[in-house]
Protein backbone atom coordinates (compact mmCIF):
# COMPACT_ATOMS: atom_id res chain seq x y z
CA MET A 1 -49.11 51.21 104.57
CA ASN A 2 -49.39 52.64 101.18
CA MET A 3 -45.70 53.24 101.04
CA ALA A 4 -44.87 49.70 102.00
CA SER A 5 -47.26 48.41 99.43
CA HIS A 6 -45.72 50.66 96.80
CA GLN A 7 -42.27 49.44 97.64
CA LYS A 8 -43.34 45.80 97.21
CA ILE A 9 -45.00 46.43 93.90
CA HIS A 10 -42.13 48.44 92.37
CA PRO A 11 -39.52 45.72 92.49
CA HIS A 12 -42.02 43.25 91.10
CA ASN A 13 -42.71 45.47 88.16
CA LEU A 14 -38.99 45.87 87.43
CA SER A 15 -38.46 42.14 87.62
CA SER A 16 -41.40 41.51 85.35
CA SER A 17 -40.19 44.09 82.87
CA ALA A 18 -36.72 42.53 82.78
CA HIS A 19 -38.17 39.12 82.40
CA ASP A 20 -40.34 40.31 79.54
CA ASP A 21 -37.32 41.93 77.88
CA GLN A 22 -35.33 38.69 78.22
CA GLN A 23 -38.24 36.69 76.83
CA LEU A 24 -38.58 39.11 73.95
CA ASP A 25 -34.90 38.85 73.23
CA PHE A 26 -35.06 35.05 73.26
CA GLU A 27 -38.08 34.90 71.02
CA SER A 28 -36.75 37.43 68.48
CA PRO A 29 -33.04 36.82 67.89
CA GLN A 30 -31.24 39.27 65.72
CA VAL A 31 -30.56 38.17 62.16
CA PRO A 32 -26.85 38.30 61.44
CA THR A 33 -25.87 40.50 58.55
CA VAL A 34 -22.84 38.36 57.57
CA PRO A 35 -23.47 34.75 56.42
CA LEU A 36 -22.11 32.15 58.79
CA VAL A 37 -21.33 29.72 56.00
CA PRO A 38 -19.16 30.92 53.08
CA ARG A 39 -20.68 30.87 49.67
CA GLY A 40 -20.09 27.74 47.65
CA SER A 41 -19.66 25.56 50.77
CA SER A 42 -22.07 23.30 52.61
CA LYS A 43 -23.11 23.67 56.19
CA SER A 44 -21.72 21.14 58.62
CA ASP A 45 -22.58 20.20 62.19
CA ASP A 46 -18.88 19.94 63.12
CA SER A 47 -17.39 22.77 65.06
CA HIS A 48 -14.33 22.83 62.76
CA HIS A 49 -14.68 23.97 59.19
CA CYS A 50 -13.61 21.20 56.71
CA PRO A 51 -11.97 22.33 53.45
CA PRO A 52 -13.47 21.03 50.21
CA PHE A 53 -12.20 17.63 49.03
CA GLN A 54 -9.34 17.85 46.58
CA ARG A 55 -8.11 14.83 44.62
CA THR A 56 -4.38 14.36 44.82
CA ILE A 57 -2.91 13.65 41.36
CA PRO A 58 0.48 11.96 41.38
CA VAL A 59 3.21 13.83 39.60
CA ILE A 60 4.47 11.98 36.51
CA HIS A 61 7.72 13.07 34.99
CA THR A 62 7.01 13.02 31.26
CA GLU A 63 10.00 14.98 30.10
CA PRO A 64 12.24 11.99 29.12
CA PRO A 65 9.48 10.21 27.09
CA ARG A 66 8.73 13.48 25.37
CA LYS A 67 12.36 13.74 24.38
CA ARG A 68 12.36 10.18 23.10
CA ARG A 69 9.19 10.80 21.10
CA GLY A 70 10.73 13.95 19.70
CA CYS A 71 13.86 12.07 18.63
CA CYS A 72 11.81 9.30 17.04
CA CYS A 73 9.67 11.83 15.16
CA ARG A 74 12.72 13.68 13.89
CA PHE A 75 14.37 10.41 12.83
CA LEU A 76 11.22 9.30 11.00
CA CYS A 77 10.90 12.67 9.27
CA TRP A 78 14.53 12.59 8.18
CA THR A 79 14.19 9.01 6.91
CA LEU A 80 11.05 9.76 4.91
CA SER A 81 12.62 12.91 3.51
CA LEU A 82 15.72 10.97 2.48
CA VAL A 83 13.66 8.22 0.81
CA PHE A 84 11.56 10.82 -1.00
CA LEU A 85 14.73 12.60 -2.14
CA LEU A 86 16.25 9.35 -3.43
CA ILE A 87 13.06 8.51 -5.32
CA LEU A 88 13.00 12.00 -6.78
CA LEU A 89 16.64 11.75 -7.86
CA ALA A 90 16.09 8.28 -9.35
CA GLY A 91 13.07 9.52 -11.27
CA ALA A 92 15.00 12.53 -12.53
CA ALA A 93 17.92 10.32 -13.60
CA ALA A 94 15.57 7.90 -15.38
CA GLY A 95 13.88 10.78 -17.15
CA ILE A 96 17.21 12.18 -18.31
CA LEU A 97 18.33 8.74 -19.55
CA CYS A 98 15.08 8.28 -21.44
CA LEU A 99 15.44 11.67 -23.10
CA VAL A 100 19.08 11.07 -24.03
CA PHE A 101 19.04 7.41 -25.10
CA GLN A 102 15.34 6.96 -26.01
CA PRO A 103 15.30 3.21 -25.16
CA LYS A 104 12.98 0.80 -26.98
CA LEU A 105 11.92 -2.74 -26.12
CA PRO A 106 13.60 -5.63 -27.96
CA LYS A 107 11.56 -7.70 -30.40
CA TYR A 108 11.43 -11.49 -30.69
CA SER A 109 10.00 -13.92 -33.21
CA ILE A 110 9.94 -17.69 -33.76
CA ASP A 111 11.03 -18.33 -37.33
CA ARG A 112 11.36 -22.10 -37.53
CA LEU A 113 10.42 -25.17 -35.52
CA GLN A 114 11.77 -28.63 -36.28
CA ILE A 115 11.05 -31.78 -34.29
CA THR A 116 13.81 -34.37 -34.36
CA GLN A 117 12.26 -36.66 -31.76
CA PHE A 118 8.68 -37.11 -30.60
CA ASN A 119 8.26 -40.73 -29.51
CA LEU A 120 6.05 -42.57 -27.03
CA THR A 121 8.06 -45.30 -25.31
CA SER A 122 6.81 -48.63 -24.00
CA ASN A 123 6.45 -47.29 -20.47
CA SER A 124 4.11 -44.50 -21.70
CA SER A 125 6.78 -41.79 -21.52
CA LEU A 126 6.99 -39.13 -24.21
CA THR A 127 10.47 -38.11 -25.36
CA ALA A 128 10.64 -34.86 -27.34
CA THR A 129 13.44 -32.87 -28.95
CA PHE A 130 12.72 -29.54 -30.66
CA ASP A 131 15.05 -27.35 -32.72
CA VAL A 132 13.81 -23.77 -32.43
CA THR A 133 15.08 -20.78 -34.38
CA ILE A 134 14.57 -17.49 -32.52
CA THR A 135 15.28 -14.04 -33.93
CA ALA A 136 16.08 -11.25 -31.42
CA ARG A 137 16.13 -7.64 -32.62
CA ASN A 138 17.57 -4.66 -30.75
CA PRO A 139 16.11 -1.47 -32.29
CA ASN A 140 17.99 0.95 -29.99
CA LYS A 141 20.54 3.39 -31.37
CA LYS A 142 22.47 3.93 -28.14
CA ALA A 143 21.67 0.89 -25.98
CA GLY A 144 23.15 -2.59 -26.03
CA VAL A 145 21.95 -5.78 -24.28
CA TYR A 146 24.08 -8.28 -22.38
CA TYR A 147 22.34 -11.67 -22.30
CA GLU A 148 23.54 -13.26 -19.07
CA GLY A 149 23.58 -16.91 -18.02
CA GLY A 150 20.76 -18.61 -16.15
CA SER A 151 18.13 -18.34 -18.86
CA HIS A 152 15.27 -20.82 -19.27
CA ILE A 153 13.20 -21.61 -22.35
CA SER A 154 10.38 -24.17 -22.58
CA VAL A 155 7.60 -25.34 -24.90
CA TRP A 156 4.13 -26.11 -23.45
CA TYR A 157 0.91 -27.72 -24.61
CA THR A 158 -2.25 -27.24 -22.49
CA GLY A 159 -0.34 -26.84 -19.25
CA THR A 160 2.18 -29.64 -19.89
CA SER A 161 5.85 -28.89 -20.48
CA LEU A 162 7.13 -30.84 -23.51
CA CYS A 163 10.78 -29.75 -23.56
CA GLN A 164 13.19 -27.24 -21.99
CA GLY A 165 16.51 -25.58 -22.71
CA SER A 166 18.46 -22.33 -22.34
CA LEU A 167 19.77 -19.47 -24.45
CA PRO A 168 23.50 -18.86 -24.90
CA ARG A 169 25.31 -15.90 -23.36
CA PHE A 170 26.09 -13.10 -25.79
CA TYR A 171 26.14 -9.34 -26.27
CA GLN A 172 23.76 -7.69 -28.71
CA GLY A 173 24.92 -4.30 -29.97
CA HIS A 174 23.04 -1.26 -31.25
CA ARG A 175 20.45 -1.91 -33.95
CA ASN A 176 21.49 -5.53 -34.13
CA THR A 177 19.55 -8.62 -35.22
CA THR A 178 20.69 -11.95 -33.77
CA VAL A 179 19.44 -15.37 -34.92
CA LEU A 180 19.60 -18.12 -32.27
CA ASN A 181 19.30 -21.85 -32.86
CA VAL A 182 18.24 -23.50 -29.61
CA VAL A 183 17.84 -27.24 -28.96
CA LEU A 184 15.11 -28.14 -26.43
CA SER A 185 14.59 -31.62 -25.01
CA GLY A 186 12.35 -33.20 -22.39
CA GLN A 187 10.50 -36.25 -21.18
CA THR A 188 6.90 -36.52 -20.00
CA ASP A 189 5.69 -39.48 -17.93
CA ASP A 190 2.25 -41.08 -18.37
CA ALA A 191 1.76 -39.35 -21.72
CA ASN A 192 -1.04 -41.54 -23.13
CA THR A 193 -3.69 -38.95 -22.34
CA LEU A 194 -1.48 -36.21 -23.78
CA ILE A 195 -0.95 -38.07 -27.08
CA THR A 196 -4.69 -38.72 -27.39
CA SER A 197 -5.42 -35.01 -26.83
CA LEU A 198 -2.87 -33.98 -29.47
CA GLN A 199 -4.34 -36.37 -32.04
CA GLN A 200 -7.90 -35.20 -31.41
CA GLN A 201 -6.82 -31.54 -31.58
CA GLN A 202 -5.12 -32.08 -34.93
CA GLN A 203 -8.06 -34.03 -36.41
CA GLN A 204 -10.69 -31.53 -35.30
CA THR A 205 -8.97 -28.20 -36.05
CA GLY A 206 -5.87 -29.05 -38.05
CA ILE A 207 -3.91 -26.80 -35.68
CA ILE A 208 -1.94 -27.62 -32.53
CA PRO A 209 -1.50 -24.59 -30.24
CA LEU A 210 1.84 -24.37 -28.45
CA LYS A 211 3.31 -21.83 -26.05
CA LEU A 212 6.96 -20.90 -25.81
CA ARG A 213 8.17 -19.20 -22.62
CA VAL A 214 11.52 -17.50 -22.12
CA ILE A 215 13.07 -16.11 -18.93
CA GLN A 216 16.33 -14.35 -19.71
CA PRO A 217 18.51 -12.30 -17.28
CA VAL A 218 20.01 -9.28 -19.05
CA ARG A 219 21.92 -6.09 -18.36
CA ILE A 220 21.31 -2.97 -20.41
CA LYS A 221 24.30 -0.90 -21.54
CA LEU A 222 23.65 2.82 -22.00
CA GLY A 223 26.73 4.42 -23.46
CA GLU A 224 29.55 3.36 -21.14
CA PHE A 225 27.26 2.52 -18.21
CA LYS A 226 25.89 -0.92 -17.38
CA LEU A 227 22.59 -0.88 -15.54
CA MET A 228 21.46 -3.37 -12.94
CA LYS A 229 20.47 -6.88 -13.96
CA VAL A 230 16.81 -7.40 -14.93
CA LYS A 231 14.84 -10.30 -16.41
CA PHE A 232 13.27 -10.40 -19.84
CA ARG A 233 10.10 -12.47 -19.93
CA VAL A 234 8.88 -13.51 -23.37
CA ARG A 235 5.61 -15.33 -24.06
CA CYS A 236 5.02 -16.63 -27.59
CA ARG A 237 2.01 -18.42 -29.02
CA LEU A 238 2.62 -20.85 -31.90
CA ASP A 239 0.01 -22.54 -34.04
CA VAL A 240 1.57 -25.48 -35.94
CA ASP A 241 0.00 -28.04 -38.25
CA ASN A 242 1.57 -31.16 -36.72
CA LEU A 243 4.17 -32.49 -34.29
CA ALA A 244 5.48 -35.38 -36.32
CA ALA A 245 9.17 -36.15 -35.98
CA ASN A 246 11.43 -35.48 -39.00
CA ASN A 247 8.58 -33.82 -40.83
CA ALA A 248 8.13 -30.34 -42.22
CA ILE A 249 6.25 -28.30 -39.64
CA ASN A 250 4.49 -25.17 -40.72
CA ILE A 251 4.01 -22.33 -38.25
CA ARG A 252 0.52 -21.05 -39.10
CA ASN A 253 0.55 -18.21 -36.61
CA SER A 254 3.10 -16.71 -34.23
CA SER A 255 2.89 -13.81 -31.75
CA CYS A 256 5.14 -12.83 -28.85
CA LYS A 257 4.68 -10.57 -25.83
CA PHE A 258 7.56 -9.07 -23.92
CA ARG A 259 8.01 -7.57 -20.47
CA PHE A 260 10.81 -7.19 -17.95
CA THR A 261 11.00 -7.55 -14.18
CA ILE A 262 13.61 -6.83 -11.55
């Protein structure tokens, strides 16, 4: 009896002990020593591990544009270098010419003014003819001046052109003084207001201010070399006592300014 009872209890105890061991194992799982998820990645519920997202960048062949840009840059550098070299050479040549020839600007003066015609017609038109004596001086020792065709000379009063003309073609040598007699003529329409202004100006001040403008194409000769054509621009201010025809006209004051342009 006791033996049978012992045999029944013994298997029960073994079963209970195994069950307790299984329950203990279930309740206390072992902590793995190696992380299941690699560092720097996120845990996912999927059974397969997904690699991190990588953006696909299309391949662009930039080698030909780079070559074109390189060619353009080299061409631009060569062009700028050539222009700079030409400017440097031109400046050096101009400096040498200035040191050798020591050029000076010409001088101009208005010596005489005679009016042969200054009439107001019946249709209110003003007809004027001026005889102007101009003196041109070349003070240079080694430079001559070629006065080319296409010149223009005019006389103005308060913004109104009274008469026009041109200078003759000639060559002015070294240290030369040339006297030019130029005839200027012109016609002004609706000149009643102009005549009234001239009369009031003469009565109030006794002086009539005039302006003489000259545009003259020239070429400078340095030694045996002729330089490129430039334009002389002369501006003269004349103060005269009257503008009566066939009358002695006194030039009270005269001053001229000179410059040249290409």
